[in-house]
Every structure is written in structure tokens, then in C-alpha cells.
């Protein structure tokens, strides 16, 4: 979500806000489906747009009562995990409702920036990346913001 749109939302409760990243991910998904190959040269421009836009937005995630991020473990035998992030308030409302059913703790929204994600990657070797809009787009990026 654009930081200015988020400020407008907090100040004026304006609910309509667009995420350019969300739109790029949708273009990527639509093209990949038609091309049936995620390595197709035609996708390179869209991949560049995603990588360039990712640092310019803020995201939302879930934290528990201890202010710890909700972690989705990759396998049962390892402690490696990813965190879910959402591109806007609408995606957060949809995804958080579904994720909250999986956890017993009271979960709350937390704003998170790409810088925050980089800090987690520096501090925790078990952090493997994040999934954007897990219940609609389900787009994965690694700890360095690559996919």
C-alpha cells in the first residue's frame, strides 16, 4: 500500500486504496498462466516492475499478544518459516480472518516495511521470506525480496 494512502486511511478512514505491487502481481499471474512458463522472457518486464515497486510500499502482517510475527513453518522437521504480508486493508481483512482461525492467540495488525523485513532477514536465519496476499495471490518472495 502506498504510504500516503495509508495515512489517508488512518486519518480519514478512506478504504479505497490501491497497491501497485498487487496489480503487478496480478499481471504476472495472468501472463504466467497464459505462457505456461514462469521463465518466459515476456515476464522479465513484469518481474522488474515487481522488484522495483516492492520497496516503495508498506505492508500489513499479523502479530500475537507478545508482538511476535505470525510464522508459517515450511516443514515440520525444521524451524524455517515465512511470514504472511498483505498489500492493502482489503487483503488484510480477507487473509487475517482466515489465518486467525489457525491460531489460538489474539492476533492484531502490524504495519511492516521492506526495511523491517530486511532486518528480520539479518537477525533470524530461520526466516526464509514472505508470502504476499496468501489467500488471494499467494505470491512468494525470499528473504532478499527476490522470487
N, C-alpha and C. Protein backbone atom coordinates (compact mmCIF):
# COMPACT_ATOMS: atom_id res chain seq x y z
N UNK A 1 0.86 -1.17 0.00
CA UNK A 1 0.00 0.00 0.00
C UNK A 1 0.90 1.23 0.00
N UNK A 2 0.52 2.20 -0.77
CA UNK A 2 1.27 3.45 -0.80
C UNK A 2 1.20 4.10 0.59
N UNK A 3 2.34 4.55 1.13
CA UNK A 3 2.32 5.15 2.48
C UNK A 3 1.34 6.33 2.61
N UNK A 4 1.22 7.13 1.57
CA UNK A 4 0.28 8.26 1.63
C UNK A 4 -1.16 7.76 1.73
N UNK A 5 -1.50 6.70 0.97
CA UNK A 5 -2.84 6.13 1.06
C UNK A 5 -3.12 5.60 2.46
N UNK A 6 -2.10 5.02 3.10
CA UNK A 6 -2.30 4.50 4.45
C UNK A 6 -2.54 5.64 5.43
N UNK A 7 -1.82 6.73 5.28
CA UNK A 7 -2.05 7.89 6.15
C UNK A 7 -3.47 8.41 5.96
N UNK A 8 -3.92 8.49 4.70
CA UNK A 8 -5.30 8.92 4.44
C UNK A 8 -6.29 7.96 5.10
N UNK A 9 -6.01 6.68 5.01
CA UNK A 9 -6.88 5.69 5.63
C UNK A 9 -6.94 5.90 7.15
N UNK A 10 -5.78 6.08 7.79
CA UNK A 10 -5.75 6.26 9.23
C UNK A 10 -6.45 7.55 9.65
N UNK A 11 -6.24 8.62 8.89
CA UNK A 11 -6.79 9.92 9.25
C UNK A 11 -8.26 10.09 8.88
N UNK A 12 -8.66 9.57 7.73
CA UNK A 12 -9.99 9.84 7.20
C UNK A 12 -10.84 8.60 6.98
N UNK A 13 -10.28 7.43 7.32
CA UNK A 13 -10.95 6.14 7.12
C UNK A 13 -11.34 5.92 5.66
N UNK A 14 -10.50 6.40 4.75
CA UNK A 14 -10.72 6.17 3.33
C UNK A 14 -10.31 4.73 3.05
N UNK A 15 -11.24 3.90 2.62
CA UNK A 15 -10.96 2.48 2.49
C UNK A 15 -10.49 2.07 1.12
N UNK A 16 -10.72 2.91 0.14
CA UNK A 16 -10.32 2.55 -1.23
C UNK A 16 -8.88 2.95 -1.44
N UNK A 17 -8.02 1.98 -1.53
CA UNK A 17 -6.61 2.26 -1.79
C UNK A 17 -6.07 1.14 -2.66
N UNK A 18 -5.22 1.52 -3.56
CA UNK A 18 -4.66 0.52 -4.47
C UNK A 18 -3.19 0.29 -4.17
N UNK A 19 -2.78 -0.92 -4.41
CA UNK A 19 -1.38 -1.27 -4.30
C UNK A 19 -0.89 -1.56 -5.71
N UNK A 20 0.11 -0.80 -6.12
CA UNK A 20 0.69 -1.04 -7.44
C UNK A 20 1.32 -2.43 -7.49
N UNK A 21 1.93 -2.84 -6.39
CA UNK A 21 2.54 -4.17 -6.34
C UNK A 21 1.48 -5.26 -6.56
N UNK A 22 0.34 -5.11 -5.92
CA UNK A 22 -0.74 -6.08 -6.08
C UNK A 22 -1.15 -6.18 -7.55
N UNK A 23 -1.22 -5.05 -8.22
CA UNK A 23 -1.59 -5.05 -9.63
C UNK A 23 -0.52 -5.71 -10.49
N UNK A 24 0.75 -5.44 -10.21
CA UNK A 24 1.83 -6.09 -10.96
C UNK A 24 1.81 -7.60 -10.76
N UNK A 25 1.55 -8.04 -9.52
CA UNK A 25 1.49 -9.47 -9.25
C UNK A 25 0.36 -10.11 -10.04
N UNK A 26 -0.76 -9.42 -10.15
CA UNK A 26 -1.87 -9.96 -10.92
C UNK A 26 -1.53 -10.08 -12.40
N UNK A 27 -0.84 -9.06 -12.93
CA UNK A 27 -0.40 -9.12 -14.33
C UNK A 27 0.54 -10.31 -14.53
N UNK A 28 1.48 -10.47 -13.58
CA UNK A 28 2.43 -11.59 -13.63
C UNK A 28 1.69 -12.93 -13.65
N UNK A 29 0.71 -13.08 -12.73
CA UNK A 29 -0.02 -14.34 -12.64
C UNK A 29 -0.80 -14.62 -13.92
N UNK A 30 -1.44 -13.59 -14.44
CA UNK A 30 -2.22 -13.77 -15.67
C UNK A 30 -1.33 -14.15 -16.84
N UNK A 31 -0.18 -13.48 -16.96
CA UNK A 31 0.74 -13.79 -18.06
C UNK A 31 1.34 -15.18 -17.91
N UNK A 32 1.76 -15.53 -16.68
CA UNK A 32 2.37 -16.84 -16.45
C UNK A 32 1.39 -17.97 -16.78
N UNK A 33 0.13 -17.75 -16.48
CA UNK A 33 -0.90 -18.76 -16.78
C UNK A 33 -1.02 -18.95 -18.30
N UNK A 34 -1.00 -17.84 -19.03
CA UNK A 34 -1.13 -17.94 -20.49
C UNK A 34 0.13 -18.51 -21.13
N UNK A 35 1.29 -18.11 -20.61
CA UNK A 35 2.56 -18.57 -21.19
C UNK A 35 2.92 -19.98 -20.74
N UNK A 36 2.38 -20.39 -19.60
CA UNK A 36 2.65 -21.72 -19.01
C UNK A 36 4.13 -21.95 -18.74
N UNK A 37 4.85 -20.83 -18.50
CA UNK A 37 6.28 -20.93 -18.22
C UNK A 37 6.72 -19.67 -17.49
N UNK A 38 7.09 -19.81 -16.22
CA UNK A 38 7.48 -18.63 -15.45
C UNK A 38 8.87 -18.13 -15.80
N UNK A 39 9.57 -18.81 -16.67
CA UNK A 39 10.88 -18.35 -17.12
C UNK A 39 10.80 -17.64 -18.47
N UNK A 40 9.60 -17.46 -18.99
CA UNK A 40 9.44 -16.83 -20.31
C UNK A 40 9.98 -15.40 -20.30
N UNK A 41 10.65 -15.04 -21.37
CA UNK A 41 11.26 -13.72 -21.50
C UNK A 41 10.23 -12.60 -21.39
N UNK A 42 8.99 -12.88 -21.80
CA UNK A 42 7.94 -11.87 -21.74
C UNK A 42 7.63 -11.41 -20.31
N UNK A 43 7.97 -12.25 -19.33
CA UNK A 43 7.70 -11.91 -17.94
C UNK A 43 8.76 -11.02 -17.30
N UNK A 44 9.89 -10.86 -17.97
CA UNK A 44 11.00 -10.13 -17.36
C UNK A 44 10.63 -8.70 -16.98
N UNK A 45 9.87 -8.01 -17.84
CA UNK A 45 9.47 -6.62 -17.54
C UNK A 45 8.56 -6.57 -16.31
N UNK A 46 7.67 -7.55 -16.19
CA UNK A 46 6.77 -7.58 -15.04
C UNK A 46 7.55 -7.90 -13.77
N UNK A 47 8.51 -8.83 -13.86
CA UNK A 47 9.36 -9.14 -12.71
C UNK A 47 10.13 -7.90 -12.25
N UNK A 48 10.63 -7.13 -13.20
CA UNK A 48 11.34 -5.89 -12.86
C UNK A 48 10.41 -4.92 -12.16
N UNK A 49 9.18 -4.80 -12.65
CA UNK A 49 8.21 -3.89 -12.01
C UNK A 49 7.93 -4.33 -10.58
N UNK A 50 7.80 -5.62 -10.36
CA UNK A 50 7.54 -6.13 -9.00
C UNK A 50 8.72 -5.81 -8.10
N UNK A 51 9.94 -6.09 -8.55
CA UNK A 51 11.13 -5.83 -7.73
C UNK A 51 11.33 -4.35 -7.45
N UNK A 52 10.99 -3.51 -8.43
CA UNK A 52 11.15 -2.08 -8.24
C UNK A 52 10.07 -1.48 -7.34
N UNK A 53 8.88 -2.02 -7.39
CA UNK A 53 7.78 -1.46 -6.60
C UNK A 53 7.80 -1.94 -5.16
N UNK A 54 8.26 -3.15 -4.92
CA UNK A 54 8.23 -3.73 -3.57
C UNK A 54 8.79 -2.79 -2.49
N UNK A 55 9.93 -2.12 -2.71
CA UNK A 55 10.47 -1.25 -1.65
C UNK A 55 9.68 0.04 -1.42
N UNK A 56 8.76 0.37 -2.31
CA UNK A 56 8.06 1.65 -2.22
C UNK A 56 6.75 1.61 -1.46
N UNK A 57 6.35 0.43 -1.01
CA UNK A 57 5.07 0.31 -0.33
C UNK A 57 5.26 -0.16 1.11
N UNK A 58 4.20 -0.01 1.88
CA UNK A 58 4.17 -0.61 3.22
C UNK A 58 3.17 -1.76 3.18
N UNK A 59 3.31 -2.67 4.12
CA UNK A 59 2.50 -3.88 4.13
C UNK A 59 1.92 -4.08 5.52
N UNK A 60 1.07 -5.05 5.63
CA UNK A 60 0.45 -5.37 6.91
C UNK A 60 0.66 -6.84 7.18
N UNK A 61 0.88 -7.14 8.45
CA UNK A 61 1.05 -8.53 8.85
C UNK A 61 0.34 -8.75 10.17
N UNK A 62 0.45 -9.93 10.69
CA UNK A 62 -0.22 -10.29 11.94
C UNK A 62 0.81 -10.53 13.03
N UNK A 63 0.52 -10.03 14.21
CA UNK A 63 1.35 -10.30 15.38
C UNK A 63 0.47 -10.85 16.49
N UNK A 64 1.10 -11.61 17.39
CA UNK A 64 0.35 -12.16 18.51
C UNK A 64 0.42 -11.21 19.70
N UNK A 65 -0.04 -11.69 20.84
CA UNK A 65 -0.09 -10.84 22.04
C UNK A 65 1.30 -10.43 22.53
N UNK A 66 2.32 -11.19 22.16
CA UNK A 66 3.71 -10.85 22.53
C UNK A 66 4.37 -9.96 21.49
N UNK A 67 3.61 -9.54 20.48
CA UNK A 67 4.10 -8.72 19.37
C UNK A 67 5.06 -9.50 18.47
N UNK A 68 4.95 -10.84 18.49
CA UNK A 68 5.73 -11.69 17.59
C UNK A 68 4.94 -11.90 16.31
N UNK A 69 5.65 -11.93 15.18
CA UNK A 69 5.00 -12.16 13.90
C UNK A 69 4.41 -13.55 13.82
N UNK A 70 3.27 -13.65 13.15
CA UNK A 70 2.72 -14.97 12.82
C UNK A 70 3.70 -15.64 11.87
N UNK A 71 4.07 -16.85 12.18
CA UNK A 71 5.02 -17.59 11.36
C UNK A 71 4.34 -18.80 10.75
N UNK A 72 4.56 -18.99 9.47
CA UNK A 72 4.07 -20.16 8.78
C UNK A 72 5.28 -21.04 8.51
N UNK A 73 5.38 -22.17 9.22
CA UNK A 73 6.56 -23.03 9.08
C UNK A 73 6.54 -23.74 7.74
N UNK A 74 7.72 -23.93 7.19
CA UNK A 74 7.85 -24.55 5.87
C UNK A 74 7.70 -26.07 5.94
N UNK A 75 8.31 -26.67 6.95
CA UNK A 75 8.16 -28.11 7.16
C UNK A 75 8.10 -28.37 8.65
N UNK A 76 7.60 -29.54 9.02
CA UNK A 76 7.50 -29.86 10.44
C UNK A 76 8.85 -30.18 11.05
N UNK A 77 9.82 -30.58 10.23
CA UNK A 77 11.11 -31.00 10.77
C UNK A 77 12.11 -29.86 10.90
N UNK A 78 11.77 -28.67 10.44
CA UNK A 78 12.69 -27.55 10.52
C UNK A 78 11.99 -26.35 11.14
N UNK A 79 12.76 -25.42 11.61
CA UNK A 79 12.19 -24.21 12.20
C UNK A 79 12.14 -23.06 11.18
N UNK A 80 12.44 -23.36 9.93
CA UNK A 80 12.38 -22.33 8.91
C UNK A 80 10.93 -21.89 8.69
N UNK A 81 10.76 -20.61 8.46
CA UNK A 81 9.40 -20.08 8.34
C UNK A 81 9.33 -18.92 7.36
N UNK A 82 8.10 -18.60 6.97
CA UNK A 82 7.81 -17.40 6.21
C UNK A 82 6.74 -16.63 6.97
N UNK A 83 6.58 -15.36 6.65
CA UNK A 83 5.50 -14.59 7.27
C UNK A 83 4.53 -14.13 6.18
N UNK A 84 3.26 -14.08 6.51
CA UNK A 84 2.29 -13.56 5.54
C UNK A 84 2.27 -12.03 5.60
N UNK A 85 2.22 -11.39 4.45
CA UNK A 85 2.03 -9.94 4.42
C UNK A 85 0.92 -9.62 3.41
N UNK A 86 0.30 -8.48 3.64
CA UNK A 86 -0.85 -8.08 2.84
C UNK A 86 -0.59 -6.70 2.25
N UNK A 87 -1.03 -6.51 1.01
CA UNK A 87 -0.72 -5.27 0.29
C UNK A 87 -1.65 -4.12 0.63
N UNK A 88 -2.83 -4.40 1.18
CA UNK A 88 -3.75 -3.32 1.50
C UNK A 88 -4.73 -3.78 2.56
N UNK A 89 -5.58 -2.86 2.99
CA UNK A 89 -6.53 -3.15 4.06
C UNK A 89 -7.52 -4.24 3.66
N UNK A 90 -7.97 -4.21 2.45
CA UNK A 90 -8.94 -5.22 1.98
C UNK A 90 -8.31 -6.61 2.01
N UNK A 91 -7.09 -6.74 1.50
CA UNK A 91 -6.40 -8.04 1.52
C UNK A 91 -6.15 -8.49 2.96
N UNK A 92 -5.78 -7.53 3.82
CA UNK A 92 -5.56 -7.87 5.23
C UNK A 92 -6.83 -8.43 5.86
N UNK A 93 -7.96 -7.78 5.60
CA UNK A 93 -9.23 -8.22 6.20
C UNK A 93 -9.56 -9.64 5.77
N UNK A 94 -9.39 -9.93 4.50
CA UNK A 94 -9.68 -11.27 3.98
C UNK A 94 -8.71 -12.31 4.54
N UNK A 95 -7.42 -12.04 4.39
CA UNK A 95 -6.41 -13.02 4.79
C UNK A 95 -6.30 -13.22 6.29
N UNK A 96 -6.40 -12.13 7.05
CA UNK A 96 -6.25 -12.25 8.50
C UNK A 96 -7.39 -13.05 9.11
N UNK A 97 -8.59 -12.91 8.57
CA UNK A 97 -9.72 -13.68 9.09
C UNK A 97 -9.47 -15.18 8.92
N UNK A 98 -8.91 -15.57 7.80
CA UNK A 98 -8.64 -16.98 7.55
C UNK A 98 -7.47 -17.49 8.38
N UNK A 99 -6.41 -16.68 8.49
CA UNK A 99 -5.24 -17.10 9.27
C UNK A 99 -5.57 -17.16 10.75
N UNK A 100 -6.37 -16.22 11.24
CA UNK A 100 -6.71 -16.18 12.66
C UNK A 100 -7.38 -17.47 13.12
N UNK A 101 -8.09 -18.13 12.23
CA UNK A 101 -8.74 -19.40 12.59
C UNK A 101 -7.73 -20.50 12.91
N UNK A 102 -6.49 -20.35 12.40
CA UNK A 102 -5.46 -21.36 12.62
C UNK A 102 -4.72 -21.18 13.94
N UNK A 103 -4.85 -20.00 14.56
CA UNK A 103 -4.09 -19.69 15.76
C UNK A 103 -5.03 -19.46 16.93
N UNK A 104 -4.59 -19.86 18.11
CA UNK A 104 -5.41 -19.66 19.30
C UNK A 104 -5.20 -18.27 19.91
N UNK A 105 -4.06 -17.67 19.65
CA UNK A 105 -3.75 -16.36 20.21
C UNK A 105 -4.62 -15.28 19.58
N UNK A 106 -4.75 -14.17 20.30
CA UNK A 106 -5.40 -13.00 19.74
C UNK A 106 -4.40 -12.32 18.81
N UNK A 107 -4.77 -12.16 17.57
CA UNK A 107 -3.86 -11.58 16.58
C UNK A 107 -4.29 -10.17 16.22
N UNK A 108 -3.30 -9.33 15.95
CA UNK A 108 -3.57 -7.95 15.58
C UNK A 108 -2.76 -7.56 14.36
N UNK A 109 -3.19 -6.50 13.70
CA UNK A 109 -2.48 -6.00 12.52
C UNK A 109 -1.25 -5.21 12.95
N UNK A 110 -0.20 -5.37 12.16
CA UNK A 110 1.01 -4.57 12.37
C UNK A 110 1.49 -4.09 11.01
N UNK A 111 1.83 -2.84 10.94
CA UNK A 111 2.42 -2.27 9.73
C UNK A 111 3.86 -2.76 9.63
N UNK A 112 4.28 -3.12 8.44
CA UNK A 112 5.65 -3.59 8.24
C UNK A 112 6.18 -3.02 6.93
N UNK A 113 7.43 -2.62 6.95
CA UNK A 113 8.06 -2.03 5.77
C UNK A 113 9.08 -3.02 5.20
N UNK A 114 9.51 -2.79 3.96
CA UNK A 114 10.59 -3.62 3.42
C UNK A 114 11.85 -3.56 4.29
N UNK A 115 12.11 -2.41 4.92
CA UNK A 115 13.26 -2.30 5.82
C UNK A 115 13.11 -3.22 7.03
N UNK A 116 11.89 -3.30 7.56
CA UNK A 116 11.62 -4.21 8.68
C UNK A 116 11.88 -5.66 8.27
N UNK A 117 11.45 -5.99 7.06
CA UNK A 117 11.64 -7.36 6.56
C UNK A 117 13.13 -7.65 6.39
N UNK A 118 13.89 -6.68 5.89
CA UNK A 118 15.34 -6.85 5.77
C UNK A 118 15.99 -7.07 7.13
N UNK A 119 15.50 -6.37 8.14
CA UNK A 119 16.04 -6.52 9.49
C UNK A 119 15.76 -7.92 10.03
N UNK A 120 14.56 -8.42 9.79
CA UNK A 120 14.24 -9.80 10.22
C UNK A 120 15.19 -10.77 9.53
N UNK A 121 15.43 -10.57 8.23
CA UNK A 121 16.33 -11.46 7.48
C UNK A 121 17.75 -11.42 8.05
N UNK A 122 18.19 -10.24 8.47
CA UNK A 122 19.54 -10.12 9.07
C UNK A 122 19.61 -10.80 10.42
N UNK A 123 18.55 -10.68 11.20
CA UNK A 123 18.56 -11.14 12.60
C UNK A 123 18.19 -12.61 12.79
N UNK A 124 17.47 -13.20 11.84
CA UNK A 124 16.95 -14.55 12.05
C UNK A 124 17.20 -15.42 10.83
N UNK A 125 18.13 -16.34 10.96
CA UNK A 125 18.48 -17.21 9.82
C UNK A 125 17.37 -18.19 9.47
N UNK A 126 16.42 -18.40 10.38
CA UNK A 126 15.29 -19.29 10.09
C UNK A 126 14.24 -18.61 9.20
N UNK A 127 14.26 -17.29 9.14
CA UNK A 127 13.32 -16.55 8.29
C UNK A 127 13.72 -16.76 6.84
N UNK A 128 12.79 -17.32 6.05
CA UNK A 128 13.10 -17.64 4.66
C UNK A 128 12.44 -16.71 3.65
N UNK A 129 11.49 -15.91 4.09
CA UNK A 129 10.84 -15.00 3.17
C UNK A 129 9.42 -14.72 3.60
N UNK A 130 8.58 -14.34 2.63
CA UNK A 130 7.22 -13.97 2.95
C UNK A 130 6.31 -14.34 1.79
N UNK A 131 5.05 -14.42 2.11
CA UNK A 131 4.04 -14.69 1.10
C UNK A 131 3.11 -13.48 1.08
N UNK A 132 2.92 -12.92 -0.11
CA UNK A 132 2.10 -11.72 -0.28
C UNK A 132 0.67 -12.13 -0.60
N UNK A 133 -0.27 -11.56 0.14
CA UNK A 133 -1.69 -11.84 -0.05
C UNK A 133 -1.94 -13.35 -0.17
N UNK A 134 -1.64 -14.08 0.91
CA UNK A 134 -1.65 -15.55 0.82
C UNK A 134 -2.97 -16.19 0.42
N UNK A 135 -4.08 -15.52 0.65
CA UNK A 135 -5.36 -16.16 0.34
C UNK A 135 -5.98 -15.67 -0.96
N UNK A 136 -5.25 -14.82 -1.68
CA UNK A 136 -5.76 -14.43 -2.99
C UNK A 136 -4.68 -14.60 -4.06
N UNK A 137 -3.55 -13.93 -3.87
CA UNK A 137 -2.49 -14.01 -4.89
C UNK A 137 -1.44 -15.05 -4.57
N UNK A 138 -1.16 -15.26 -3.28
CA UNK A 138 -0.22 -16.29 -2.84
C UNK A 138 1.12 -16.19 -3.57
N UNK A 139 1.70 -14.99 -3.54
CA UNK A 139 2.95 -14.71 -4.24
C UNK A 139 4.10 -14.75 -3.25
N UNK A 140 5.10 -15.60 -3.51
CA UNK A 140 6.21 -15.78 -2.58
C UNK A 140 7.44 -14.97 -2.99
N UNK A 141 8.08 -14.38 -2.00
CA UNK A 141 9.37 -13.72 -2.19
C UNK A 141 10.30 -14.23 -1.09
N UNK A 142 11.59 -14.29 -1.41
CA UNK A 142 12.53 -14.80 -0.42
C UNK A 142 12.97 -13.67 0.53
N UNK A 143 13.84 -13.98 1.41
CA UNK A 143 14.28 -13.03 2.44
C UNK A 143 14.95 -11.80 1.87
N UNK A 144 15.41 -11.86 0.61
CA UNK A 144 16.05 -10.72 -0.03
C UNK A 144 15.12 -9.96 -0.97
N UNK A 145 13.85 -10.33 -0.99
CA UNK A 145 12.90 -9.67 -1.86
C UNK A 145 12.95 -10.17 -3.30
N UNK A 146 13.54 -11.34 -3.52
CA UNK A 146 13.57 -11.96 -4.85
C UNK A 146 12.57 -13.11 -4.89
N UNK A 147 12.27 -13.57 -6.09
CA UNK A 147 11.34 -14.70 -6.21
C UNK A 147 11.82 -15.65 -7.27
